[in-house]
PDB file of N, CA and C in Angstrom:
ATOM      1  N   MET A   1     181.505  69.477  67.508  1.00  0.00           N
ATOM      2  CA  MET A   1     180.769  70.685  67.195  1.00  0.00           C
ATOM      3  C   MET A   1     181.708  71.733  66.645  1.00  0.00           C
ATOM      4  N   ALA A   2     181.178  72.543  65.766  1.00  0.00           N
ATOM      5  CA  ALA A   2     181.964  73.617  65.166  1.00  0.00           C
ATOM      6  C   ALA A   2     181.937  74.850  66.063  1.00  0.00           C
ATOM      7  N   SER A   3     182.926  75.678  65.891  1.00  0.00           N
ATOM      8  CA  SER A   3     182.941  76.949  66.624  1.00  0.00           C
ATOM      9  C   SER A   3     183.227  78.068  65.638  1.00  0.00           C
ATOM     10  N   ILE A   4     182.724  79.260  65.957  1.00  0.00           N
ATOM     11  CA  ILE A   4     182.965  80.430  65.117  1.00  0.00           C
ATOM     12  C   ILE A   4     183.431  81.585  65.998  1.00  0.00           C
ATOM     13  N   THR A   5     184.112  82.504  65.371  1.00  0.00           N
ATOM     14  CA  THR A   5     184.528  83.730  66.039  1.00  0.00           C
ATOM     15  C   THR A   5     183.851  84.887  65.311  1.00  0.00           C
ATOM     16  N   ILE A   6     183.274  85.778  66.056  1.00  0.00           N
ATOM     17  CA  ILE A   6     182.611  86.944  65.453  1.00  0.00           C
ATOM     18  C   ILE A   6     183.454  88.162  65.763  1.00  0.00           C
ATOM     19  N   ARG A   7     184.062  88.721  64.726  1.00  0.00           N
ATOM     20  CA  ARG A   7     184.920  89.896  64.888  1.00  0.00           C
ATOM     21  C   ARG A   7     184.115  91.164  64.618  1.00  0.00           C
ATOM     22  N   ASN A   8     184.625  92.267  65.121  1.00  0.00           N
ATOM     23  CA  ASN A   8     184.053  93.596  64.878  1.00  0.00           C
ATOM     24  C   ASN A   8     182.595  93.704  65.322  1.00  0.00           C
ATOM     25  N   LEU A   9     182.249  93.049  66.410  1.00  0.00           N
ATOM     26  CA  LEU A   9     180.911  93.143  66.972  1.00  0.00           C
ATOM     27  C   LEU A   9     180.822  94.438  67.777  1.00  0.00           C
ATOM     28  N   ASP A  10     179.813  95.229  67.503  1.00  0.00           N
ATOM     29  CA  ASP A  10     179.640  96.490  68.225  1.00  0.00           C
ATOM     30  C   ASP A  10     179.516  96.224  69.726  1.00  0.00           C
ATOM     31  N   GLU A  11     180.080  97.112  70.511  1.00  0.00           N
ATOM     32  CA  GLU A  11     180.007  96.976  71.967  1.00  0.00           C
ATOM     33  C   GLU A  11     178.564  97.018  72.454  1.00  0.00           C
ATOM     34  N   SER A  12     177.730  97.817  71.788  1.00  0.00           N
ATOM     35  CA  SER A  12     176.330  97.911  72.205  1.00  0.00           C
ATOM     36  C   SER A  12     175.604  96.576  71.981  1.00  0.00           C
ATOM     37  N   VAL A  13     175.921  95.898  70.885  1.00  0.00           N
ATOM     38  CA  VAL A  13     175.310  94.596  70.609  1.00  0.00           C
ATOM     39  C   VAL A  13     175.781  93.573  71.646  1.00  0.00           C
ATOM     40  N   LYS A  14     177.066  93.606  71.944  1.00  0.00           N
ATOM     41  CA  LYS A  14     177.620  92.693  72.942  1.00  0.00           C
ATOM     42  C   LYS A  14     176.973  92.938  74.307  1.00  0.00           C
ATOM     43  N   ALA A  15     176.773  94.194  74.670  1.00  0.00           N
ATOM     44  CA  ALA A  15     176.152  94.521  75.946  1.00  0.00           C
ATOM     45  C   ALA A  15     174.705  94.029  75.993  1.00  0.00           C
ATOM     46  N   LYS A  16     173.969  94.219  74.892  1.00  0.00           N
ATOM     47  CA  LYS A  16     172.586  93.742  74.840  1.00  0.00           C
ATOM     48  C   LYS A  16     172.524  92.227  74.933  1.00  0.00           C
ATOM     49  N   LEU A  17     173.444  91.546  74.261  1.00  0.00           N
ATOM     50  CA  LEU A  17     173.498  90.089  74.324  1.00  0.00           C
ATOM     51  C   LEU A  17     173.777  89.629  75.747  1.00  0.00           C
ATOM     52  N   ARG A  18     174.673  90.319  76.429  1.00  0.00           N
ATOM     53  CA  ARG A  18     175.000  89.973  77.816  1.00  0.00           C
ATOM     54  C   ARG A  18     173.758  90.131  78.710  1.00  0.00           C
ATOM     55  N   ILE A  19     172.991  91.200  78.514  1.00  0.00           N
ATOM     56  CA  ILE A  19     171.790  91.446  79.323  1.00  0.00           C
ATOM     57  C   ILE A  19     170.717  90.399  79.039  1.00  0.00           C
ATOM     58  N   VAL A  20     170.480  90.123  77.750  1.00  0.00           N
ATOM     59  CA  VAL A  20     169.461  89.128  77.383  1.00  0.00           C
ATOM     60  C   VAL A  20     169.855  87.752  77.920  1.00  0.00           C
ATOM     61  N   ALA A  21     171.123  87.404  77.799  1.00  0.00           N
ATOM     62  CA  ALA A  21     171.599  86.111  78.298  1.00  0.00           C
ATOM     63  C   ALA A  21     171.401  86.017  79.807  1.00  0.00           C
ATOM     64  N   ALA A  22     171.726  87.082  80.518  1.00  0.00           N
ATOM     65  CA  ALA A  22     171.553  87.075  81.975  1.00  0.00           C
ATOM     66  C   ALA A  22     170.079  86.936  82.351  1.00  0.00           C
ATOM     67  N   ASN A  23     169.204  87.609  81.618  1.00  0.00           N
ATOM     68  CA  ASN A  23     167.763  87.509  81.882  1.00  0.00           C
ATOM     69  C   ASN A  23     167.238  86.095  81.668  1.00  0.00           C
ATOM     70  N   HIS A  24     167.844  85.385  80.719  1.00  0.00           N
ATOM     71  CA  HIS A  24     167.436  84.004  80.437  1.00  0.00           C
ATOM     72  C   HIS A  24     168.224  82.989  81.253  1.00  0.00           C
ATOM     73  N   GLY A  25     169.178  83.455  82.026  1.00  0.00           N
ATOM     74  CA  GLY A  25     169.990  82.549  82.835  1.00  0.00           C
ATOM     75  C   GLY A  25     170.991  81.752  82.014  1.00  0.00           C
ATOM     76  N   HIS A  26     171.411  82.308  80.885  1.00  0.00           N
ATOM     77  CA  HIS A  26     172.363  81.644  79.993  1.00  0.00           C
ATOM     78  C   HIS A  26     173.668  82.412  79.950  1.00  0.00           C
ATOM     79  N   SER A  27     174.690  81.729  79.442  1.00  0.00           N
ATOM     80  CA  SER A  27     175.924  82.433  79.110  1.00  0.00           C
ATOM     81  C   SER A  27     175.686  83.178  77.793  1.00  0.00           C
ATOM     82  N   MET A  28     176.553  84.124  77.482  1.00  0.00           N
ATOM     83  CA  MET A  28     176.431  84.841  76.204  1.00  0.00           C
ATOM     84  C   MET A  28     176.556  83.868  75.039  1.00  0.00           C
ATOM     85  N   GLU A  29     177.444  82.906  75.178  1.00  0.00           N
ATOM     86  CA  GLU A  29     177.656  81.927  74.111  1.00  0.00           C
ATOM     87  C   GLU A  29     176.400  81.085  73.882  1.00  0.00           C
ATOM     88  N   GLU A  30     175.772  80.627  74.968  1.00  0.00           N
ATOM     89  CA  GLU A  30     174.538  79.835  74.839  1.00  0.00           C
ATOM     90  C   GLU A  30     173.409  80.681  74.272  1.00  0.00           C
ATOM     91  N   GLU A  31     173.332  81.935  74.660  1.00  0.00           N
ATOM     92  CA  GLU A  31     172.293  82.824  74.134  1.00  0.00           C
ATOM     93  C   GLU A  31     172.490  83.045  72.640  1.00  0.00           C
ATOM     94  N   ALA A  32     173.735  83.226  72.207  1.00  0.00           N
ATOM     95  CA  ALA A  32     174.023  83.400  70.772  1.00  0.00           C
ATOM     96  C   ALA A  32     173.638  82.141  70.003  1.00  0.00           C
ATOM     97  N   ARG A  33     173.935  80.948  70.562  1.00  0.00           N
ATOM     98  CA  ARG A  33     173.545  79.695  69.908  1.00  0.00           C
ATOM     99  C   ARG A  33     172.031  79.603  69.779  1.00  0.00           C
ATOM    100  N   THR A  34     171.325  79.970  70.841  1.00  0.00           N
ATOM    101  CA  THR A  34     169.861  79.920  70.829  1.00  0.00           C
ATOM    102  C   THR A  34     169.290  80.865  69.782  1.00  0.00           C
ATOM    103  N   ILE A  35     169.824  82.080  69.717  1.00  0.00           N
ATOM    104  CA  ILE A  35     169.353  83.062  68.729  1.00  0.00           C
ATOM    105  C   ILE A  35     169.588  82.547  67.315  1.00  0.00           C
ATOM    106  N   LEU A  36     170.776  82.029  67.046  1.00  0.00           N
ATOM    107  CA  LEU A  36     171.082  81.501  65.712  1.00  0.00           C
ATOM    108  C   LEU A  36     170.192  80.310  65.374  1.00  0.00           C
ATOM    109  N   ARG A  37     170.044  79.397  66.304  1.00  0.00           N
ATOM    110  CA  ARG A  37     169.225  78.205  66.080  1.00  0.00           C
ATOM    111  C   ARG A  37     167.785  78.592  65.772  1.00  0.00           C
ATOM    112  N   ASN A  38     167.198  79.462  66.603  1.00  0.00           N
ATOM    113  CA  ASN A  38     165.802  79.869  66.399  1.00  0.00           C
ATOM    114  C   ASN A  38     165.617  80.621  65.089  1.00  0.00           C
ATOM    115  N   THR A  39     166.552  81.488  64.767  1.00  0.00           N
ATOM    116  CA  THR A  39     166.455  82.264  63.526  1.00  0.00           C
ATOM    117  C   THR A  39     166.554  81.365  62.307  1.00  0.00           C
ATOM    118  N   LEU A  40     167.516  80.460  62.306  1.00  0.00           N
ATOM    119  CA  LEU A  40     167.723  79.614  61.135  1.00  0.00           C
ATOM    120  C   LEU A  40     166.677  78.520  61.002  1.00  0.00           C
ATOM    121  N   ASN A  41     166.085  78.080  62.097  1.00  0.00           N
ATOM    122  CA  ASN A  41     165.008  77.086  62.010  1.00  0.00           C
ATOM    123  C   ASN A  41     163.748  77.688  61.414  1.00  0.00           C
ATOM    124  N   ASN A  42     163.558  78.990  61.576  1.00  0.00           N
ATOM    125  CA  ASN A  42     162.385  79.665  61.015  1.00  0.00           C
ATOM    126  C   ASN A  42     162.613  80.127  59.585  1.00  0.00           C
ATOM    127  N   GLU A  43     163.844  80.061  59.114  1.00  0.00           N
ATOM    128  CA  GLU A  43     164.211  80.520  57.778  1.00  0.00           C
ATOM    129  C   GLU A  43     163.911  79.417  56.764  1.00  0.00           C
ATOM    130  N   THR A  44     163.294  79.789  55.657  1.00  0.00           N
ATOM    131  CA  THR A  44     163.061  78.819  54.593  1.00  0.00           C
ATOM    132  C   THR A  44     164.131  79.014  53.535  1.00  0.00           C
ATOM    133  N   ILE A  45     164.788  77.947  53.203  1.00  0.00           N
ATOM    134  CA  ILE A  45     165.834  77.990  52.189  1.00  0.00           C
ATOM    135  C   ILE A  45     165.233  77.473  50.889  1.00  0.00           C
ATOM    136  N   SER A  46     165.283  78.284  49.872  1.00  0.00           N
ATOM    137  CA  SER A  46     164.669  77.952  48.592  1.00  0.00           C
ATOM    138  C   SER A  46     165.683  77.293  47.682  1.00  0.00           C
ATOM    139  N   ASP A  47     165.238  76.266  46.978  1.00  0.00           N
ATOM    140  CA  ASP A  47     166.101  75.635  45.996  1.00  0.00           C
ATOM    141  C   ASP A  47     165.695  76.043  44.574  1.00  0.00           C
ATOM    142  N   LYS A  48     164.865  77.089  44.501  1.00  0.00           N
ATOM    143  CA  LYS A  48     164.431  77.577  43.188  1.00  0.00           C
ATOM    144  C   LYS A  48     165.496  78.470  42.578  1.00  0.00           C
ATOM    145  N   THR A  49     165.556  78.428  41.257  1.00  0.00           N
ATOM    146  CA  THR A  49     166.482  79.303  40.540  1.00  0.00           C
ATOM    147  C   THR A  49     165.892  80.706  40.455  1.00  0.00           C
ATOM    148  N   LEU A  50     166.715  81.668  40.065  1.00  0.00           N
ATOM    149  CA  LEU A  50     166.248  83.040  39.933  1.00  0.00           C
ATOM    150  C   LEU A  50     165.102  83.123  38.929  1.00  0.00           C
ATOM    151  N   GLY A  51     165.218  82.427  37.812  1.00  0.00           N
ATOM    152  CA  GLY A  51     164.163  82.437  36.799  1.00  0.00           C
ATOM    153  C   GLY A  51     162.851  81.894  37.336  1.00  0.00           C
ATOM    154  N   GLN A  52     162.933  80.829  38.145  1.00  0.00           N
ATOM    155  CA  GLN A  52     161.722  80.256  38.733  1.00  0.00           C
ATOM    156  C   GLN A  52     161.092  81.223  39.733  1.00  0.00           C
ATOM    157  N   LYS A  53     161.914  81.940  40.497  1.00  0.00           N
ATOM    158  CA  LYS A  53     161.389  82.911  41.454  1.00  0.00           C
ATOM    159  C   LYS A  53     160.695  84.062  40.735  1.00  0.00           C
ATOM    160  N   ILE A  54     161.296  84.539  39.647  1.00  0.00           N
ATOM    161  CA  ILE A  54     160.691  85.627  38.866  1.00  0.00           C
ATOM    162  C   ILE A  54     159.377  85.158  38.264  1.00  0.00           C
ATOM    163  N   HIS A  55     159.360  83.963  37.699  1.00  0.00           N
ATOM    164  CA  HIS A  55     158.146  83.406  37.108  1.00  0.00           C
ATOM    165  C   HIS A  55     157.041  83.293  38.161  1.00  0.00           C
ATOM    166  N   GLN A  56     157.396  82.791  39.333  1.00  0.00           N
ATOM    167  CA  GLN A  56     156.425  82.639  40.412  1.00  0.00           C
ATOM    168  C   GLN A  56     155.844  83.992  40.828  1.00  0.00           C
ATOM    169  N   ARG A  57     156.680  85.008  40.878  1.00  0.00           N
ATOM    170  CA  ARG A  57     156.205  86.334  41.283  1.00  0.00           C
ATOM    171  C   ARG A  57     155.217  86.898  40.258  1.00  0.00           C
ATOM    172  N   PHE A  58     155.514  86.726  38.964  1.00  0.00           N
ATOM    173  CA  PHE A  58     154.598  87.222  37.939  1.00  0.00           C
ATOM    174  C   PHE A  58     153.309  86.416  37.919  1.00  0.00           C
ATOM    175  N   MET A  59     153.402  85.112  38.151  1.00  0.00           N
ATOM    176  CA  MET A  59     152.193  84.294  38.174  1.00  0.00           C
ATOM    177  C   MET A  59     151.317  84.680  39.367  1.00  0.00           C
ATOM    178  N   ALA A  60     151.934  85.026  40.484  1.00  0.00           N
ATOM    179  CA  ALA A  60     151.172  85.450  41.660  1.00  0.00           C
ATOM    180  C   ALA A  60     150.458  86.777  41.396  1.00  0.00           C
ATOM    181  N   ALA A  61     151.042  87.602  40.521  1.00  0.00           N
ATOM    182  CA  ALA A  61     150.428  88.892  40.189  1.00  0.00           C
ATOM    183  C   ALA A  61     149.305  88.730  39.173  1.00  0.00           C
ATOM    184  N   ASN A  62     149.112  87.502  38.670  1.00  0.00           N
ATOM    185  CA  ASN A  62     148.049  87.190  37.721  1.00  0.00           C
ATOM    186  C   ASN A  62     148.164  88.023  36.445  1.00  0.00           C
ATOM    187  N   VAL A  63     149.367  88.122  35.919  1.00  0.00           N
ATOM    188  CA  VAL A  63     149.631  88.885  34.704  1.00  0.00           C
ATOM    189  C   VAL A  63     149.473  87.953  33.506  1.00  0.00           C
ATOM    190  N   GLU A  64     148.694  88.392  32.508  1.00  0.00           N
ATOM    191  CA  GLU A  64     148.519  87.577  31.301  1.00  0.00           C
ATOM    192  C   GLU A  64     149.720  87.760  30.393  1.00  0.00           C
ATOM    193  N   MET A  65     150.246  86.662  29.933  1.00  0.00           N
ATOM    194  CA  MET A  65     151.378  86.710  29.008  1.00  0.00           C
ATOM    195  C   MET A  65     150.845  86.957  27.597  1.00  0.00           C
ATOM    196  N   PRO A  66     151.460  87.875  26.857  1.00  0.00           N
ATOM    197  CA  PRO A  66     150.990  88.141  25.487  1.00  0.00           C
ATOM    198  C   PRO A  66     151.351  86.982  24.560  1.00  0.00           C
ATOM    199  N   GLU A  67     150.556  86.826  23.511  1.00  0.00           N
ATOM    200  CA  GLU A  67     150.854  85.813  22.494  1.00  0.00           C
ATOM    201  C   GLU A  67     151.981  86.346  21.621  1.00  0.00           C
ATOM    202  N   LEU A  68     153.023  85.584  21.495  1.00  0.00           N
ATOM    203  CA  LEU A  68     154.141  85.996  20.661  1.00  0.00           C
ATOM    204  C   LEU A  68     153.959  85.435  19.263  1.00  0.00           C
ATOM    205  N   PRO A  69     154.205  86.241  18.220  1.00  0.00           N
ATOM    206  CA  PRO A  69     154.043  85.735  16.859  1.00  0.00           C
ATOM    207  C   PRO A  69     155.117  84.684  16.557  1.00  0.00           C
ATOM    208  N   LYS A  70     154.738  83.729  15.734  1.00  0.00           N
ATOM    209  CA  LYS A  70     155.705  82.709  15.335  1.00  0.00           C
ATOM    210  C   LYS A  70     156.750  83.343  14.447  1.00  0.00           C
ATOM    211  N   ARG A  71     157.929  82.847  14.546  1.00  0.00           N
ATOM    212  CA  ARG A  71     159.037  83.366  13.754  1.00  0.00           C
ATOM    213  C   ARG A  71     158.928  82.885  12.322  1.00  0.00           C
ATOM    214  N   SER A  72     159.027  83.796  11.352  1.00  0.00           N
ATOM    215  CA  SER A  72     158.873  83.402   9.953  1.00  0.00           C
ATOM    216  C   SER A  72     160.208  83.350   9.221  1.00  0.00           C
ATOM    217  N   ASP A  73     161.193  84.106   9.678  1.00  0.00           N
ATOM    218  CA  ASP A  73     162.484  84.083   8.994  1.00  0.00           C
ATOM    219  C   ASP A  73     163.400  83.058   9.648  1.00  0.00           C
ATOM    220  N   LEU A  74     164.323  82.521   8.854  1.00  0.00           N
ATOM    221  CA  LEU A  74     165.268  81.526   9.356  1.00  0.00           C
ATOM    222  C   LEU A  74     166.465  82.226   9.989  1.00  0.00           C
ATOM    223  N   PRO A  75     167.100  81.560  10.912  1.00  0.00           N
ATOM    224  CA  PRO A  75     168.292  82.169  11.506  1.00  0.00           C
ATOM    225  C   PRO A  75     169.385  82.351  10.454  1.00  0.00           C
ATOM    226  N   ARG A  76     170.176  83.418  10.599  1.00  0.00           N
ATOM    227  CA  ARG A  76     171.254  83.706   9.656  1.00  0.00           C
ATOM    228  C   ARG A  76     172.591  83.550  10.363  1.00  0.00           C
ATOM    229  N   ALA A  77     173.586  83.224   9.613  1.00  0.00           N
ATOM    230  CA  ALA A  77     174.933  83.129  10.160  1.00  0.00           C
ATOM    231  C   ALA A  77     175.452  84.542  10.455  1.00  0.00           C
ATOM    232  N   ALA A  78     176.243  84.655  11.496  1.00  0.00           N
ATOM    233  CA  ALA A  78     176.800  85.949  11.848  1.00  0.00           C
ATOM    234  C   ALA A  78     177.851  86.357  10.827  1.00  0.00           C
ATOM    235  N   GLU A  79     177.908  87.665  10.541  1.00  0.00           N
ATOM    236  CA  GLU A  79     178.916  88.194   9.628  1.00  0.00           C
ATOM    237  C   GLU A  79     179.888  89.039  10.420  1.00  0.00           C
ATOM    238  N   PHE A  80     181.170  88.759  10.240  1.00  0.00           N
ATOM    239  CA  PHE A  80     182.209  89.469  10.993  1.00  0.00           C
ATOM    240  C   PHE A  80     183.118  90.229  10.044  1.00  0.00           C
ATOM    241  N   ASP A  81     182.580  91.111   9.243  1.00  0.00           N
ATOM    242  CA  ASP A  81     183.387  91.926   8.330  1.00  0.00           C
ATOM    243  C   ASP A  81     184.028  93.043   9.123  1.00  0.00           C
ATOM    244  N   ILE A  82     185.331  93.129   9.023  1.00  0.00           N
ATOM    245  CA  ILE A  82     186.046  94.172   9.762  1.00  0.00           C
ATOM    246  C   ILE A  82     186.604  95.178   8.784  1.00  0.00           C
TER     247      ILE A  82
END
């Protein structure tokens, strides 16, 4: 099993964790594991890209996409006159 160290934890948070752990009959370490496990099991991790997330949000808003005119001119080469 892996272990982690949490630095710069506020004393008030540590005190609350100690109280909650005692109320549940756990050590602080076991209570922290339980909190992390429960939080991460409820978290949904998305494999969608940013573009897919944006598209999904607009589709959920039921926004009609405008018709874009077809391009009539051909692409031109870039000019780098200095």
